[in-house]
Amino acid sequence: MKEKVKQLRNEYYMISLESEIASEDEMRIVDKIIDCINLKKIGYVEKARKSNVGCPKYGDKDMQ
C-alpha cells in the first residue's frame, strides 16, 4: 500500500472549480437551471442583516 505524502501546512494550492468539473458533467446542467430560477417569484424573501460585522453574505443562489 502506498503511503500518503505529508503536505506542509504553509503550502497553498490554488484550483479552479471550473477546471475540475468535466464539460459533460451533469453538474453543469444543474448550475444552468439554478441560474434561471427567479427566487423572488417563488417566494424567497431576503432577510436584512442586523449589522455589517463579519464576513459578507454568500450569494442567494450559492446557498441552494
N, C-alpha and C. Protein backbone atom coordinates (compact mmCIF):
# COMPACT_ATOMS: atom_id res chain seq x y z
N MET A 1 0.85 -1.18 0.00
CA MET A 1 0.00 0.00 0.00
C MET A 1 0.89 1.24 0.00
N LYS A 2 0.52 2.19 -0.83
CA LYS A 2 1.31 3.40 -0.96
C LYS A 2 1.02 4.33 0.22
N GLU A 3 2.06 4.89 0.77
CA GLU A 3 1.93 5.79 1.92
C GLU A 3 1.56 7.20 1.45
N LYS A 4 0.71 7.85 2.23
CA LYS A 4 0.35 9.23 1.91
C LYS A 4 1.55 10.14 2.10
N VAL A 5 1.68 11.11 1.24
CA VAL A 5 2.76 12.08 1.33
C VAL A 5 2.28 13.23 2.21
N LYS A 6 3.07 13.58 3.19
CA LYS A 6 2.69 14.65 4.11
C LYS A 6 2.76 16.00 3.38
N GLN A 7 1.72 16.82 3.56
CA GLN A 7 1.71 18.15 2.97
C GLN A 7 2.10 19.16 4.03
N LEU A 8 2.87 20.12 3.61
CA LEU A 8 3.26 21.17 4.54
C LEU A 8 2.07 22.07 4.85
N ARG A 9 1.95 22.50 6.08
CA ARG A 9 0.81 23.33 6.48
C ARG A 9 0.81 24.70 5.83
N ASN A 10 1.96 25.17 5.44
CA ASN A 10 2.02 26.51 4.87
C ASN A 10 1.96 26.49 3.33
N GLU A 11 1.68 25.34 2.74
CA GLU A 11 1.52 25.26 1.29
C GLU A 11 0.08 25.55 0.92
N TYR A 12 -0.10 26.29 -0.14
CA TYR A 12 -1.43 26.60 -0.63
C TYR A 12 -1.56 26.08 -2.06
N TYR A 13 -2.69 25.52 -2.36
CA TYR A 13 -2.97 25.05 -3.70
C TYR A 13 -4.14 25.85 -4.25
N MET A 14 -3.93 26.48 -5.36
CA MET A 14 -4.99 27.25 -6.00
C MET A 14 -5.60 26.39 -7.10
N ILE A 15 -6.89 26.10 -6.98
CA ILE A 15 -7.57 25.35 -8.02
C ILE A 15 -8.81 26.11 -8.44
N SER A 16 -9.25 25.83 -9.61
CA SER A 16 -10.47 26.43 -10.13
C SER A 16 -11.50 25.32 -10.26
N LEU A 17 -12.69 25.52 -9.69
CA LEU A 17 -13.73 24.51 -9.84
C LEU A 17 -14.11 24.33 -11.30
N GLU A 18 -14.01 25.40 -12.06
CA GLU A 18 -14.32 25.33 -13.49
C GLU A 18 -13.43 24.30 -14.18
N SER A 19 -12.18 24.26 -13.82
CA SER A 19 -11.26 23.31 -14.46
C SER A 19 -11.39 21.89 -13.88
N GLU A 20 -11.97 21.75 -12.71
CA GLU A 20 -12.10 20.45 -12.07
C GLU A 20 -13.37 19.70 -12.48
N ILE A 21 -14.36 20.40 -13.03
CA ILE A 21 -15.62 19.77 -13.42
C ILE A 21 -15.60 19.55 -14.93
N ALA A 22 -15.80 18.32 -15.34
CA ALA A 22 -15.76 17.97 -16.76
C ALA A 22 -16.85 18.72 -17.54
N SER A 23 -16.58 19.00 -18.80
CA SER A 23 -17.52 19.78 -19.61
C SER A 23 -18.84 19.04 -19.82
N GLU A 24 -18.85 17.72 -19.77
CA GLU A 24 -20.08 16.95 -19.97
C GLU A 24 -20.74 16.52 -18.65
N ASP A 25 -20.25 16.98 -17.53
CA ASP A 25 -20.78 16.61 -16.22
C ASP A 25 -22.19 17.20 -16.02
N GLU A 26 -23.09 16.42 -15.40
CA GLU A 26 -24.46 16.89 -15.19
C GLU A 26 -24.54 18.08 -14.22
N MET A 27 -23.49 18.31 -13.46
CA MET A 27 -23.46 19.46 -12.56
C MET A 27 -23.59 20.77 -13.34
N ARG A 28 -23.09 20.80 -14.55
CA ARG A 28 -23.19 22.00 -15.38
C ARG A 28 -24.66 22.29 -15.75
N ILE A 29 -25.46 21.24 -15.93
CA ILE A 29 -26.89 21.42 -16.22
C ILE A 29 -27.59 21.99 -14.99
N VAL A 30 -27.28 21.42 -13.82
CA VAL A 30 -27.87 21.92 -12.57
C VAL A 30 -27.52 23.38 -12.36
N ASP A 31 -26.29 23.75 -12.64
CA ASP A 31 -25.84 25.14 -12.50
C ASP A 31 -26.65 26.07 -13.40
N LYS A 32 -26.89 25.67 -14.64
CA LYS A 32 -27.68 26.48 -15.58
C LYS A 32 -29.12 26.62 -15.11
N ILE A 33 -29.70 25.54 -14.58
CA ILE A 33 -31.09 25.59 -14.08
C ILE A 33 -31.19 26.55 -12.91
N ILE A 34 -30.26 26.49 -11.97
CA ILE A 34 -30.28 27.38 -10.81
C ILE A 34 -30.14 28.84 -11.24
N ASP A 35 -29.31 29.10 -12.24
CA ASP A 35 -29.16 30.47 -12.74
C ASP A 35 -30.47 31.02 -13.30
N CYS A 36 -31.34 30.15 -13.82
CA CYS A 36 -32.60 30.59 -14.43
C CYS A 36 -33.73 30.80 -13.42
N ILE A 37 -33.57 30.34 -12.20
CA ILE A 37 -34.64 30.44 -11.20
C ILE A 37 -34.74 31.88 -10.69
N ASN A 38 -35.96 32.40 -10.70
CA ASN A 38 -36.24 33.72 -10.15
C ASN A 38 -36.68 33.50 -8.69
N LEU A 39 -35.78 33.73 -7.75
CA LEU A 39 -36.06 33.43 -6.35
C LEU A 39 -37.21 34.25 -5.79
N LYS A 40 -37.29 35.51 -6.15
CA LYS A 40 -38.38 36.36 -5.63
C LYS A 40 -39.73 35.90 -6.15
N LYS A 41 -39.78 35.40 -7.37
CA LYS A 41 -41.03 34.93 -7.96
C LYS A 41 -41.58 33.70 -7.24
N ILE A 42 -40.70 32.88 -6.67
CA ILE A 42 -41.15 31.68 -5.97
C ILE A 42 -41.30 31.90 -4.47
N GLY A 43 -41.17 33.17 -4.04
CA GLY A 43 -41.46 33.49 -2.64
C GLY A 43 -40.28 33.67 -1.72
N TYR A 44 -39.07 33.70 -2.26
CA TYR A 44 -37.89 33.89 -1.41
C TYR A 44 -37.82 35.35 -0.96
N VAL A 45 -37.68 35.56 0.34
CA VAL A 45 -37.55 36.90 0.90
C VAL A 45 -36.20 36.99 1.59
N GLU A 46 -35.41 37.98 1.20
CA GLU A 46 -34.09 38.15 1.80
C GLU A 46 -34.22 38.86 3.15
N LYS A 47 -33.59 38.30 4.16
CA LYS A 47 -33.61 38.91 5.49
C LYS A 47 -32.55 39.99 5.57
N ALA A 48 -32.89 41.07 6.24
CA ALA A 48 -31.93 42.17 6.42
C ALA A 48 -30.89 41.76 7.46
N ARG A 49 -29.67 42.19 7.26
CA ARG A 49 -28.62 41.92 8.23
C ARG A 49 -28.77 42.88 9.41
N LYS A 50 -28.48 42.37 10.60
CA LYS A 50 -28.57 43.20 11.80
C LYS A 50 -27.42 44.18 11.91
N SER A 51 -26.27 43.80 11.36
CA SER A 51 -25.12 44.70 11.37
C SER A 51 -24.19 44.31 10.24
N ASN A 52 -23.20 45.11 10.00
CA ASN A 52 -22.23 44.82 8.94
C ASN A 52 -20.97 44.16 9.48
N VAL A 53 -21.03 43.65 10.69
CA VAL A 53 -19.89 43.00 11.31
C VAL A 53 -19.74 41.60 10.71
N GLY A 54 -18.53 41.19 10.49
CA GLY A 54 -18.27 39.84 9.99
C GLY A 54 -18.11 39.78 8.50
N CYS A 55 -18.11 38.57 7.99
CA CYS A 55 -17.92 38.35 6.55
C CYS A 55 -19.17 38.75 5.78
N PRO A 56 -19.00 39.16 4.53
CA PRO A 56 -20.18 39.43 3.71
C PRO A 56 -20.96 38.15 3.47
N LYS A 57 -22.24 38.29 3.18
CA LYS A 57 -23.08 37.10 2.99
C LYS A 57 -22.75 36.41 1.68
N TYR A 58 -23.12 35.13 1.60
CA TYR A 58 -22.98 34.39 0.37
C TYR A 58 -24.11 34.81 -0.56
N GLY A 59 -23.93 34.61 -1.85
CA GLY A 59 -24.98 34.88 -2.82
C GLY A 59 -26.13 33.92 -2.59
N ASP A 60 -27.35 34.38 -2.87
CA ASP A 60 -28.54 33.57 -2.62
C ASP A 60 -28.51 32.24 -3.38
N LYS A 61 -28.10 32.27 -4.63
CA LYS A 61 -28.09 31.05 -5.43
C LYS A 61 -26.94 30.12 -5.05
N ASP A 62 -25.91 30.65 -4.41
CA ASP A 62 -24.79 29.82 -3.98
C ASP A 62 -25.18 28.93 -2.80
N MET A 63 -26.20 29.30 -2.07
CA MET A 63 -26.59 28.56 -0.87
C MET A 63 -27.63 27.48 -1.15
N GLN A 64 -28.01 27.28 -2.39
CA GLN A 64 -29.02 26.25 -2.70
C GLN A 64 -28.39 24.92 -2.86
